[in-house]
Amino acid sequence: RLPAPSECNLWYVQRDTLFSGHAAAEAMLQALMSLYVASHYRNTPDDLLMLADAPAHHLFALLGPVDESQNTLPDVLAVVQVALEGAISKGLAEASLSRGHLPQGDMIPWVVGQQFQDADFPRLSGARIVRIAVHPNLTRGGYGSRALELLQRYYEGELADLGSDEDDEATPSAAPSGPSANGAAGKAGLQEEVVRPRTGLPPLLQLVSERRAEELQYLGASFGLTQPLLNFWRRGGYQPLYLRQTASDVTGEHTCIVVKPLRSAEVAGTQWLEPFVADFRVRLMALLPSAFRHFSPVVALTLLEPKLQYSQAEIAAGVEAGAVVGRADGTGITPHDLRRLQAYSNSLVDFHMVLDLLPGLAGAFFSRRLPANLTYGQAALLAGVGLQRMSLNDMGSHLNLAPPQTKALFDKMMRRLYDQLRAAAEAVVARTLPVPSSAPALAPHAQDLDEELDEAAQAVRAQMQAQLDPEDLKQFAIRGEEADFEDALGGRTPASGIVNVKSSGKPAGAVSAAEESGKKDGKRKGKDGKKDQLYKRSGGGKRQSRDGGGSGKKRHKQ
């Protein structure tokens, strides 16, 4: 059964035992070299010699689960060869850089130090992955990525499972590898060493968790640039730092160096690599129109690694900071350029009207100074037309798109870039406007609006009830018996509809106008001791009060 990549473990291969001539060691050596030959285009006897004698080289093998009951070696699924580099003194690095002469060996430290003129980078300790080979029947199965992952965790100390320092120091693998494991031969020099079969050799394979790792600050690799290889290293988190401008005479490929920082006690964090990566991207954008113009836009986009999606907060921050888009003369974009972009966004002019602005727009976008949400195809189109100076027809061929589809994709990209530029320009103008006076601080109401309305309604209801006191309404009470109404009606209903019933008494507290007048002169009274009243004939022959209430009778409407 073929094991899954997650079930595989990384083993350290003891080179002294590998080249000891033992039958099992010879079988392992043949399996390793077979993977080398099957996965690499160029192999020489020097490669085998370097693997055997180079003191800085180490060999790792990815194996499936080991069955200890079987006395056979498991199949080798992948093999990784690394070379320890770096740890160069700052004085030597500065002297070599000042003379422009790079010593042999330590490829990544010297090349990166020269490219960036930095004497501190060679001081770091790293490991260059010389080769990584996977079984030809297992390519794209995840075994190479699994080997890189375990190698990184090993050098970061995550896989260490050592019992104690004393036990580790006694382990043969912890001691530096020498020409022989014997005591006498180990003390002899290269010229005095006697080549003979060795005894007391350490085990051929050793789990990396049982071996103390070297203190490293980065892992790196150097390879001929192709899209599949670049994708493989980018998936592993390796960042490109160097790309040779001239192609190899043998392969026709450009040499690329990628580096991945490791968590180490010697260096705080892994952010120290970011300035190198940012500088590489800027230089790459400047060289894409010339030395790397023949690159596929997909390769260029993978090297640039743009940010394609921004959050609303990031877009707002970019708009507030202002989008700096350069022109050919080094100045910023002008209002006339914005009008041209606006006209093209409204489909009023041809795309040749804005073709001169694309290099500046592409530089601002890929340097993350113009935050706009673009699709992968739109970003590739911007890189090809804006940085590599390709035509739309050539870009359609690279992206396998018809000319109308390429033009539609280009139009959408330009509209999104123009929207960001317009928003940034409006933000600049808004900052020049006078700031309005600040409004007074508004605090929320202490009481909810519904509660306030309910409270006011209750107050009005209580006030109305207070005004409608039952004692006050007694003066409007109708006094009279049923017989009084019968006498008043006389057996028929008056035409006027008004019935006069004699009041049984004066309402409590009521004072007539005559009594009020009598209090003033004290003399005016009628013949029968009652006040004078004026009457008129009602429709039913009854007398009705003119003033409607002074006669001591109540009016009732039938």
Protein backbone atom coordinates (compact mmCIF):
# COMPACT_ATOMS: atom_id res chain seq x y z
CA ARG A 1 0.00 0.00 0.00
CA LEU A 2 1.26 3.42 -0.96
CA PRO A 3 1.44 5.56 2.20
CA ALA A 4 -0.10 9.00 2.32
CA PRO A 5 2.35 11.95 2.57
CA SER A 6 1.16 12.64 6.12
CA GLU A 7 2.21 9.11 7.17
CA CYS A 8 5.79 9.51 5.93
CA ASN A 9 8.77 10.44 8.11
CA LEU A 10 12.06 12.13 7.35
CA TRP A 11 15.25 10.17 8.06
CA TYR A 12 18.82 11.37 8.27
CA VAL A 13 21.19 9.27 6.13
CA GLN A 14 24.64 8.63 7.64
CA ARG A 15 27.02 9.12 4.75
CA ASP A 16 29.87 7.19 6.41
CA THR A 17 27.63 4.14 6.57
CA LEU A 18 26.17 4.83 3.12
CA PHE A 19 29.60 4.51 1.50
CA SER A 20 30.83 1.69 3.76
CA GLY A 21 30.34 -1.00 1.15
CA HIS A 22 27.71 -2.92 3.12
CA ALA A 23 25.10 -4.69 1.00
CA ALA A 24 22.19 -2.80 2.58
CA ALA A 25 24.08 0.48 2.23
CA GLU A 26 24.81 -0.22 -1.42
CA ALA A 27 21.13 -0.90 -2.05
CA MET A 28 20.21 2.38 -0.41
CA LEU A 29 22.87 4.27 -2.40
CA GLN A 30 21.58 2.78 -5.63
CA ALA A 31 18.01 3.80 -4.77
CA LEU A 32 19.09 7.37 -3.99
CA MET A 33 21.13 7.77 -7.17
CA SER A 34 18.30 6.29 -9.23
CA LEU A 35 16.01 9.05 -7.97
CA TYR A 36 18.67 11.62 -8.82
CA VAL A 37 19.05 10.36 -12.38
CA ALA A 38 15.29 10.04 -12.94
CA SER A 39 14.42 13.53 -11.69
CA HIS A 40 17.30 15.69 -12.87
CA TYR A 41 18.45 16.52 -16.35
CA ARG A 42 22.16 16.64 -15.56
CA ASN A 43 24.14 14.15 -13.48
CA THR A 44 27.92 13.64 -13.38
CA PRO A 45 30.28 11.50 -11.33
CA ASP A 46 31.26 14.65 -9.49
CA ASP A 47 27.79 14.71 -7.94
CA LEU A 48 28.40 11.32 -6.35
CA LEU A 49 31.87 12.40 -5.22
CA MET A 50 30.51 15.56 -3.61
CA LEU A 51 27.81 13.55 -1.87
CA ALA A 52 30.46 11.28 -0.41
CA ASP A 53 33.18 13.75 0.59
CA ALA A 54 31.73 17.28 0.97
CA PRO A 55 31.71 17.89 4.74
CA ALA A 56 28.95 20.54 4.61
CA HIS A 57 26.51 18.33 2.70
CA HIS A 58 23.81 16.30 4.43
CA LEU A 59 21.35 13.78 3.07
CA PHE A 60 17.74 13.17 4.09
CA ALA A 61 15.29 10.53 2.85
CA LEU A 62 11.50 10.48 3.04
CA LEU A 63 10.29 6.97 3.87
CA GLY A 64 6.93 5.44 4.58
CA PRO A 65 6.05 3.71 7.85
CA VAL A 66 8.78 1.25 8.84
CA ASP A 67 7.78 -2.30 9.76
CA GLU A 68 10.34 -3.36 12.36
CA SER A 69 9.36 -7.00 11.98
CA GLN A 70 10.66 -6.97 8.41
CA ASN A 71 14.42 -7.03 7.87
CA THR A 72 14.21 -4.91 4.72
CA LEU A 73 14.58 -1.24 3.95
CA PRO A 74 11.41 0.62 2.94
CA ASP A 75 11.12 2.25 -0.45
CA VAL A 76 12.64 5.72 -0.76
CA LEU A 77 9.85 8.13 -1.76
CA ALA A 78 11.92 11.33 -1.85
CA VAL A 79 15.48 12.42 -1.14
CA VAL A 80 16.77 15.86 -0.11
CA GLN A 81 20.40 16.94 -0.23
CA VAL A 82 21.35 20.13 1.61
CA ALA A 83 24.55 22.10 1.95
CA LEU A 84 25.22 24.21 5.04
CA GLU A 85 26.27 27.76 4.13
CA GLY A 86 26.84 31.13 5.72
CA ALA A 87 28.30 32.02 9.13
CA ILE A 88 30.84 34.27 7.35
CA SER A 89 32.54 36.96 9.41
CA LYS A 90 31.48 40.50 8.72
CA GLY A 91 35.09 41.59 8.08
CA LEU A 92 35.54 38.97 5.37
CA ALA A 93 32.18 39.85 3.83
CA GLU A 94 32.96 43.57 3.71
CA ALA A 95 36.44 42.93 2.27
CA SER A 96 35.09 40.64 -0.47
CA LEU A 97 32.27 43.02 -1.37
CA SER A 98 34.61 46.00 -1.50
CA ARG A 99 36.94 44.16 -3.90
CA GLY A 100 34.07 42.78 -5.97
CA HIS A 101 35.47 39.27 -5.63
CA LEU A 102 33.33 36.45 -4.34
CA PRO A 103 35.03 33.33 -2.92
CA GLN A 104 34.00 29.86 -4.01
CA GLY A 105 31.24 28.10 -2.11
CA ASP A 106 28.49 29.60 0.04
CA MET A 107 26.42 30.40 -3.02
CA ILE A 108 23.36 32.05 -1.46
CA PRO A 109 25.22 34.22 1.10
CA TRP A 110 27.65 35.64 -1.45
CA VAL A 111 25.15 36.18 -4.27
CA VAL A 112 22.52 37.82 -2.06
CA GLY A 113 25.16 39.89 -0.24
CA GLN A 114 26.52 41.14 -3.55
CA GLN A 115 23.12 41.88 -5.11
CA PHE A 116 21.99 43.96 -2.13
CA GLN A 117 25.48 45.11 -1.07
CA ASP A 118 24.72 43.87 2.42
CA ALA A 119 27.55 42.49 4.55
CA ASP A 120 25.17 41.27 7.27
CA PHE A 121 23.35 38.63 5.24
CA PRO A 122 26.47 36.39 4.82
CA ARG A 123 26.76 36.30 8.61
CA LEU A 124 23.53 34.29 8.84
CA SER A 125 23.66 30.52 8.87
CA GLY A 126 21.53 28.72 6.32
CA ALA A 127 21.09 25.54 4.34
CA ARG A 128 20.85 25.44 0.56
CA ILE A 129 18.73 22.62 -0.81
CA VAL A 130 21.04 21.30 -3.49
CA ARG A 131 18.63 18.68 -4.78
CA ILE A 132 15.20 17.36 -4.03
CA ALA A 133 14.11 14.31 -5.98
CA VAL A 134 10.84 12.39 -5.86
CA HIS A 135 10.05 8.96 -7.24
CA PRO A 136 9.00 9.42 -10.89
CA ASN A 137 5.74 7.57 -10.30
CA LEU A 138 4.82 9.84 -7.38
CA THR A 139 5.29 13.30 -8.87
CA ARG A 140 2.65 15.85 -7.85
CA GLY A 141 1.61 13.53 -5.06
CA GLY A 142 2.66 15.85 -2.22
CA TYR A 143 5.76 13.90 -1.15
CA GLY A 144 8.21 16.66 -2.09
CA SER A 145 6.20 19.25 -0.15
CA ARG A 146 6.03 16.86 2.80
CA ALA A 147 9.82 16.48 2.76
CA LEU A 148 10.29 20.28 2.73
CA GLU A 149 7.81 20.69 5.57
CA LEU A 150 9.55 18.12 7.78
CA LEU A 151 12.96 19.59 6.91
CA GLN A 152 11.82 23.05 8.01
CA ARG A 153 10.34 21.73 11.25
CA TYR A 154 13.53 19.78 11.90
CA TYR A 155 15.77 22.85 11.63
CA GLU A 156 13.33 24.91 13.69
CA GLY A 157 13.57 22.35 16.50
CA GLU A 158 9.95 21.22 16.39
CA LEU A 159 10.82 17.55 15.83
CA ALA A 160 13.54 17.29 18.48
CA ASP A 161 12.83 14.46 20.91
CA LEU A 162 16.12 14.15 22.78
CA GLY A 163 16.14 12.60 26.23
CA SER A 164 19.03 14.62 27.68
CA ASP A 165 22.07 16.53 26.57
CA GLU A 166 24.39 13.77 27.80
CA ASP A 167 22.66 11.13 25.73
CA ASP A 168 22.69 13.42 22.72
CA GLU A 169 26.39 14.13 23.00
CA ALA A 170 27.07 10.39 23.14
CA THR A 171 25.14 9.80 19.93
CA PRO A 172 27.40 9.26 16.93
CA SER A 173 25.20 11.47 14.76
CA ALA A 174 25.70 14.46 17.02
CA ALA A 175 29.46 14.38 16.53
CA PRO A 176 30.81 16.00 13.38
CA SER A 177 31.21 13.55 10.55
CA GLY A 178 34.84 12.67 9.94
CA PRO A 179 36.68 10.45 7.55
CA SER A 180 36.41 7.48 9.93
CA ALA A 181 34.52 6.37 12.99
CA ASN A 182 37.58 4.71 14.46
CA GLY A 183 39.55 6.63 17.08
CA ALA A 184 42.95 6.33 15.42
CA ALA A 185 41.73 7.12 11.96
CA GLY A 186 39.63 10.03 13.21
CA LYS A 187 42.70 11.80 14.60
CA ALA A 188 44.73 11.37 11.42
CA GLY A 189 44.84 13.95 8.66
CA LEU A 190 43.72 13.48 5.11
CA GLN A 191 47.20 12.56 3.92
CA GLU A 192 47.86 10.16 6.79
CA GLU A 193 44.48 8.41 6.67
CA VAL A 194 44.54 4.75 5.76
CA VAL A 195 41.62 3.77 3.60
CA ARG A 196 40.24 0.46 4.84
CA PRO A 197 36.85 -1.01 5.79
CA ARG A 198 35.47 0.71 8.83
CA THR A 199 34.02 -0.80 11.94
CA GLY A 200 31.67 0.55 14.56
CA LEU A 201 29.70 2.60 12.04
CA PRO A 202 26.49 4.35 13.15
CA PRO A 203 23.09 3.19 11.82
CA LEU A 204 22.43 3.96 8.19
CA LEU A 205 19.14 5.72 8.87
CA GLN A 206 18.20 7.82 11.87
CA LEU A 207 14.97 9.66 12.55
CA VAL A 208 15.47 13.41 12.47
CA SER A 209 13.71 13.64 15.83
CA GLU A 210 16.63 11.73 17.36
CA ARG A 211 19.31 14.00 15.96
CA ARG A 212 20.25 17.49 17.08
CA ALA A 213 19.77 20.01 14.27
CA GLU A 214 22.22 22.76 13.38
CA GLU A 215 21.30 26.34 14.29
CA LEU A 216 20.05 27.90 11.05
CA GLN A 217 18.25 31.12 10.20
CA TYR A 218 17.00 30.29 6.71
CA LEU A 219 16.52 27.62 4.07
CA GLY A 220 17.21 28.37 0.42
CA ALA A 221 17.40 26.87 -3.03
CA SER A 222 18.79 27.71 -6.48
CA PHE A 223 17.14 26.38 -9.65
CA GLY A 224 16.46 27.12 -13.30
CA LEU A 225 13.29 29.18 -13.48
CA THR A 226 10.26 27.34 -14.85
CA GLN A 227 6.62 27.76 -13.99
CA PRO A 228 6.18 24.31 -12.31
CA LEU A 229 9.34 24.69 -10.20
CA LEU A 230 8.44 28.25 -9.22
CA ASN A 231 4.97 27.13 -8.15
CA PHE A 232 6.48 24.30 -6.09
CA TRP A 233 8.80 26.59 -4.12
CA ARG A 234 6.18 29.31 -3.73
CA ARG A 235 3.74 26.79 -2.24
CA GLY A 236 6.41 25.98 0.33
CA GLY A 237 6.64 29.65 1.37
CA TYR A 238 9.99 30.42 -0.31
CA GLN A 239 10.49 34.01 -1.49
CA PRO A 240 12.53 34.90 -4.60
CA LEU A 241 15.52 37.19 -3.92
CA TYR A 242 17.58 36.90 -7.07
CA LEU A 243 16.94 36.25 -10.75
CA ARG A 244 19.82 36.13 -13.18
CA GLN A 245 19.29 38.42 -16.18
CA THR A 246 21.11 36.18 -18.65
CA ALA A 247 19.91 32.66 -19.40
CA SER A 248 22.07 29.58 -18.95
CA ASP A 249 23.94 28.42 -22.05
CA VAL A 250 23.05 24.80 -21.28
CA THR A 251 19.39 24.96 -20.32
CA GLY A 252 18.31 28.38 -21.54
CA GLU A 253 16.79 29.09 -18.11
CA HIS A 254 17.37 31.96 -15.73
CA THR A 255 18.84 31.03 -12.35
CA CYS A 256 16.54 31.92 -9.47
CA ILE A 257 17.38 31.94 -5.76
CA VAL A 258 14.59 31.58 -3.21
CA VAL A 259 14.87 31.87 0.58
CA LYS A 260 12.57 31.05 3.48
CA PRO A 261 13.33 32.42 6.97
CA LEU A 262 13.30 30.06 9.97
CA ARG A 263 12.35 30.75 13.56
CA SER A 264 15.62 30.90 15.42
CA ALA A 265 16.88 32.09 18.79
CA GLU A 266 19.67 34.02 17.06
CA VAL A 267 17.32 36.31 15.08
CA ALA A 268 14.10 37.81 16.37
CA GLY A 269 11.15 36.87 14.19
CA THR A 270 11.10 36.20 10.47
CA GLN A 271 10.36 39.73 9.23
CA TRP A 272 14.00 40.47 8.49
CA LEU A 273 13.55 39.04 4.97
CA GLU A 274 10.75 41.45 3.94
CA PRO A 275 13.05 44.37 2.91
CA PHE A 276 15.00 42.06 0.61
CA VAL A 277 11.80 40.73 -0.98
CA ALA A 278 10.37 44.24 -1.49
CA ASP A 279 13.59 45.44 -3.11
CA PHE A 280 13.65 42.42 -5.42
CA ARG A 281 10.10 43.15 -6.63
CA VAL A 282 10.92 46.76 -7.43
CA ARG A 283 13.98 45.75 -9.42
CA LEU A 284 12.02 43.02 -11.18
CA MET A 285 9.34 45.49 -12.29
CA ALA A 286 12.04 47.71 -13.76
CA LEU A 287 13.62 44.78 -15.67
CA LEU A 288 10.43 43.17 -16.98
CA PRO A 289 10.26 45.43 -20.07
CA SER A 290 13.80 44.46 -21.11
CA ALA A 291 15.66 41.44 -19.74
CA PHE A 292 12.54 39.49 -18.77
CA ARG A 293 10.16 40.66 -21.47
CA HIS A 294 9.93 37.14 -22.93
CA PHE A 295 8.62 35.73 -19.64
CA SER A 296 5.09 34.47 -19.54
CA PRO A 297 2.81 36.95 -17.71
CA VAL A 298 1.87 34.12 -15.36
CA VAL A 299 5.54 33.65 -14.39
CA ALA A 300 5.94 37.39 -13.91
CA LEU A 301 2.81 37.50 -11.78
CA THR A 302 4.05 34.59 -9.64
CA LEU A 303 7.36 36.36 -9.06
CA LEU A 304 5.67 39.65 -8.16
CA GLU A 305 3.09 37.98 -5.89
CA PRO A 306 0.62 40.88 -5.90
CA LYS A 307 -2.15 41.35 -3.40
CA LEU A 308 -5.37 40.98 -5.35
CA GLN A 309 -8.04 41.38 -2.66
CA TYR A 310 -8.21 44.21 -0.13
CA SER A 311 -10.61 44.77 2.74
CA GLN A 312 -12.76 47.88 2.94
CA ALA A 313 -10.56 49.27 5.72
CA GLU A 314 -7.41 48.77 3.63
CA ILE A 315 -9.01 50.44 0.62
CA ALA A 316 -10.13 53.39 2.76
CA ALA A 317 -6.64 53.73 4.23
CA GLY A 318 -5.09 53.66 0.75
CA VAL A 319 -7.51 56.29 -0.51
CA GLU A 320 -6.78 58.51 2.48
CA ALA A 321 -3.03 58.14 1.99
CA GLY A 322 -3.33 59.07 -1.67
CA ALA A 323 -2.39 57.03 -4.74
CA VAL A 324 1.00 58.04 -6.12
CA VAL A 325 1.10 57.13 -9.81
CA GLY A 326 4.26 58.15 -11.63
CA ARG A 327 4.63 59.28 -15.22
CA ALA A 328 7.55 58.94 -17.59
CA ASP A 329 9.06 62.25 -16.45
CA GLY A 330 8.92 61.22 -12.79
CA THR A 331 6.03 63.51 -11.87
CA GLY A 332 2.67 62.41 -10.58
CA ILE A 333 -0.51 61.93 -12.52
CA THR A 334 -2.24 65.18 -13.59
CA PRO A 335 -5.93 66.19 -13.76
CA HIS A 336 -5.74 65.87 -17.55
CA ASP A 337 -4.65 62.26 -17.14
CA LEU A 338 -7.60 61.64 -14.84
CA ARG A 339 -9.94 63.10 -17.45
CA ARG A 340 -8.50 60.74 -20.06
CA LEU A 341 -9.03 57.79 -17.75
CA GLN A 342 -12.57 58.98 -17.07
CA ALA A 343 -13.30 59.26 -20.77
CA TYR A 344 -11.99 55.77 -21.39
CA SER A 345 -13.97 54.37 -18.46
CA ASN A 346 -17.09 55.88 -20.04
CA SER A 347 -16.18 54.28 -23.41
CA LEU A 348 -15.71 57.65 -25.08
CA VAL A 349 -12.16 57.15 -26.38
CA ASP A 350 -9.95 54.31 -27.63
CA PHE A 351 -7.57 52.44 -25.31
CA HIS A 352 -4.57 54.01 -27.10
CA MET A 353 -5.48 57.24 -25.28
CA VAL A 354 -4.49 55.72 -21.92
CA LEU A 355 -1.77 53.29 -23.00
CA ASP A 356 0.99 55.63 -21.79
CA LEU A 357 -0.46 55.62 -18.25
CA LEU A 358 -0.35 51.82 -17.83
CA PRO A 359 3.31 51.55 -16.67
CA GLY A 360 2.64 53.99 -13.83
CA LEU A 361 -0.64 52.30 -12.91
CA ALA A 362 0.99 48.86 -12.95
CA GLY A 363 3.90 50.04 -10.82
CA ALA A 364 1.55 51.59 -8.25
CA PHE A 365 -0.65 48.48 -8.11
CA PHE A 366 2.13 45.89 -7.84
CA SER A 367 3.96 47.97 -5.24
CA ARG A 368 0.67 48.01 -3.26
CA ARG A 369 0.30 51.79 -3.38
CA LEU A 370 -2.96 51.55 -5.36
CA PRO A 371 -5.28 49.16 -3.51
CA ALA A 372 -7.83 47.78 -5.95
CA ASN A 373 -9.58 44.42 -6.06
CA LEU A 374 -8.59 42.69 -9.30
CA THR A 375 -9.02 39.15 -10.52
CA TYR A 376 -6.02 36.99 -11.36
CA GLY A 377 -6.64 37.44 -15.08
CA GLN A 378 -6.88 41.22 -14.75
CA ALA A 379 -3.64 41.33 -12.75
CA ALA A 380 -1.88 39.18 -15.37
CA LEU A 381 -3.17 41.51 -18.08
CA LEU A 382 -1.90 44.54 -16.17
CA ALA A 383 1.52 42.93 -15.69
CA GLY A 384 1.81 41.99 -19.37
CA VAL A 385 0.62 45.28 -20.87
CA GLY A 386 1.84 47.67 -18.19
CA LEU A 387 5.19 46.14 -17.21
CA GLN A 388 6.24 43.89 -20.10
CA ARG A 389 4.88 46.25 -22.78
CA MET A 390 2.95 43.52 -24.57
CA SER A 391 0.04 44.22 -26.89
CA LEU A 392 -3.49 43.14 -26.13
CA ASN A 393 -3.34 40.55 -28.91
CA ASP A 394 -0.19 38.99 -27.43
CA MET A 395 -1.79 38.94 -23.99
CA GLY A 396 -4.84 37.20 -25.42
CA SER A 397 -2.56 34.49 -26.79
CA HIS A 398 -0.84 34.03 -23.43
CA LEU A 399 -4.16 33.88 -21.57
CA ASN A 400 -5.98 31.81 -24.23
CA LEU A 401 -8.64 34.50 -24.67
CA ALA A 402 -10.33 35.82 -27.78
CA PRO A 403 -9.69 39.51 -28.63
CA PRO A 404 -13.18 40.66 -27.51
CA GLN A 405 -12.75 38.86 -24.18
CA THR A 406 -9.30 40.37 -23.70
CA LYS A 407 -10.66 43.86 -24.44
CA ALA A 408 -13.58 43.39 -22.02
CA LEU A 409 -11.19 42.20 -19.29
CA PHE A 410 -8.95 45.20 -19.93
CA ASP A 411 -11.90 47.63 -19.70
CA LYS A 412 -13.05 46.24 -16.35
CA MET A 413 -9.53 46.49 -14.98
CA MET A 414 -9.16 50.12 -16.08
CA ARG A 415 -12.49 51.09 -14.53
CA ARG A 416 -11.51 49.65 -11.16
CA LEU A 417 -8.15 51.43 -11.20
CA TYR A 418 -9.79 54.71 -12.21
CA ASP A 419 -12.34 54.45 -9.39
CA GLN A 420 -9.50 54.23 -6.87
CA LEU A 421 -7.62 57.14 -8.43
CA ARG A 422 -10.75 59.30 -8.44
CA ALA A 423 -11.50 58.47 -4.81
CA ALA A 424 -7.92 59.35 -3.83
CA ALA A 425 -8.11 62.65 -5.74
CA GLU A 426 -11.42 63.53 -4.06
CA ALA A 427 -9.90 62.77 -0.66
CA VAL A 428 -7.04 65.18 -1.40
CA VAL A 429 -9.50 67.93 -2.35
CA ALA A 430 -11.65 67.22 0.72
CA ARG A 431 -8.66 67.78 2.98
CA THR A 432 -8.21 71.32 1.56
CA LEU A 433 -11.82 72.35 2.31
CA PRO A 434 -12.57 74.29 5.51
CA VAL A 435 -13.61 72.13 8.38
CA PRO A 436 -17.18 72.90 9.56
CA SER A 437 -17.71 73.86 13.16
CA SER A 438 -18.27 70.92 15.34
CA ALA A 439 -21.84 70.30 16.39
CA PRO A 440 -22.62 70.15 20.10
CA ALA A 441 -22.32 66.79 21.62
CA LEU A 442 -25.64 65.01 21.47
CA ALA A 443 -26.60 62.75 24.29
CA PRO A 444 -29.41 60.20 24.15
CA HIS A 445 -32.70 61.00 25.85
CA ALA A 446 -32.98 59.85 29.43
CA GLN A 447 -36.49 58.56 28.65
CA ASP A 448 -37.73 56.60 25.69
CA LEU A 449 -40.12 58.40 23.34
CA ASP A 450 -42.94 55.89 23.83
CA GLU A 451 -42.60 56.08 27.59
CA GLU A 452 -42.69 59.88 27.44
CA LEU A 453 -45.89 59.82 25.33
CA ASP A 454 -47.55 57.37 27.70
CA GLU A 455 -46.67 59.51 30.68
CA ALA A 456 -48.09 62.66 29.03
CA ALA A 457 -51.28 60.82 28.07
CA GLN A 458 -51.77 59.69 31.64
CA ALA A 459 -51.31 63.28 32.87
CA VAL A 460 -53.93 64.59 30.39
CA ARG A 461 -56.34 61.82 31.34
CA ALA A 462 -55.94 62.63 35.03
CA GLN A 463 -56.54 66.34 34.35
CA MET A 464 -59.73 65.59 32.42
CA GLN A 465 -61.01 63.35 35.19
CA ALA A 466 -60.30 66.11 37.71
CA GLN A 467 -62.37 68.58 35.65
CA LEU A 468 -65.26 66.13 35.35
CA ASP A 469 -66.01 65.97 39.09
CA PRO A 470 -69.33 64.13 39.74
CA GLU A 471 -70.30 66.75 42.34
CA ASP A 472 -70.10 69.45 39.68
CA LEU A 473 -72.23 67.43 37.29
CA LYS A 474 -75.13 67.20 39.75
CA GLN A 475 -76.35 70.65 38.71
CA PHE A 476 -77.17 69.20 35.30
CA ALA A 477 -79.19 66.33 36.73
CA ILE A 478 -82.84 66.02 35.50
CA ARG A 479 -85.27 65.94 38.37
CA GLY A 480 -88.80 64.75 37.80
CA GLU A 481 -91.09 61.77 38.19
CA GLU A 482 -92.76 59.82 35.45
CA ALA A 483 -96.07 61.50 36.28
CA ASP A 484 -94.55 64.93 35.73
CA PHE A 485 -93.53 63.92 32.21
CA GLU A 486 -96.99 62.52 31.51
CA ASP A 487 -98.63 65.73 32.65
CA ALA A 488 -96.23 67.77 30.58
CA LEU A 489 -96.91 65.74 27.46
CA GLY A 490 -100.71 65.74 27.98
CA GLY A 491 -100.97 62.57 26.00
CA ARG A 492 -99.36 64.04 22.89
CA THR A 493 -95.95 65.07 21.60
CA PRO A 494 -95.48 68.83 21.06
CA ALA A 495 -94.54 69.95 17.59
CA SER A 496 -91.49 71.77 18.83
CA GLY A 497 -90.20 68.62 20.47
CA ILE A 498 -89.58 70.51 23.74
CA VAL A 499 -91.22 69.43 26.98
CA ASN A 500 -91.27 71.69 30.04
CA VAL A 501 -91.17 69.97 33.40
CA LYS A 502 -91.41 71.90 36.61
CA SER A 503 -88.20 71.73 38.56
CA SER A 504 -88.39 70.19 41.94
CA GLY A 505 -85.91 72.64 43.31
CA LYS A 506 -83.03 74.85 42.64
CA PRO A 507 -79.66 73.18 41.91
CA ALA A 508 -77.29 73.21 44.80
CA GLY A 509 -75.25 76.34 44.79
CA ALA A 510 -77.13 77.88 41.84
CA VAL A 511 -78.05 81.56 42.15
CA SER A 512 -80.42 83.16 39.63
CA ALA A 513 -79.79 86.44 37.93
CA ALA A 514 -82.82 87.99 39.69
CA GLU A 515 -81.54 86.94 43.08
CA GLU A 516 -78.19 88.40 42.22
CA SER A 517 -79.93 91.59 41.21
CA GLY A 518 -82.11 91.51 44.31
CA LYS A 519 -79.09 91.44 46.48
CA LYS A 520 -78.10 94.74 44.94
CA ASP A 521 -81.35 96.76 45.39
CA GLY A 522 -83.26 94.44 47.85
CA LYS A 523 -86.74 95.58 46.62
CA ARG A 524 -87.67 94.12 43.27
CA LYS A 525 -90.06 91.18 43.85
CA GLY A 526 -93.28 89.92 42.25
CA LYS A 527 -96.81 90.01 43.73
CA ASP A 528 -96.50 86.38 44.92
CA GLY A 529 -93.03 86.87 46.36
CA LYS A 530 -91.34 85.40 43.31
CA LYS A 531 -89.15 87.16 40.77
CA ASP A 532 -90.73 88.60 37.62
CA GLN A 533 -90.33 86.48 34.49
CA LEU A 534 -91.18 86.98 30.81
CA TYR A 535 -92.80 84.18 28.90
CA LYS A 536 -93.75 83.36 25.35
CA ARG A 537 -96.21 80.91 24.02
CA SER A 538 -94.79 77.60 22.97
CA GLY A 539 -96.27 75.53 20.17
CA GLY A 540 -98.26 73.39 22.62
CA GLY A 541 -99.89 76.28 24.56
CA LYS A 542 -97.38 76.04 27.35
CA ARG A 543 -95.25 78.95 28.40
CA GLN A 544 -91.54 78.82 27.70
CA SER A 545 -88.78 80.82 29.31
CA ARG A 546 -87.21 83.47 27.11
CA ASP A 547 -83.87 83.30 28.73
CA GLY A 548 -83.95 79.49 28.76
CA GLY A 549 -83.45 78.79 32.47
CA GLY A 550 -84.76 81.57 34.67
CA SER A 551 -88.31 80.21 35.01
CA GLY A 552 -87.38 77.39 37.32
CA LYS A 553 -88.37 74.83 34.65
CA LYS A 554 -86.14 72.43 32.69
CA ARG A 555 -86.29 71.95 28.93
CA HIS A 556 -86.18 68.39 27.68
CA LYS A 557 -85.90 67.33 24.11
CA GLN A 558 -88.12 64.44 23.15
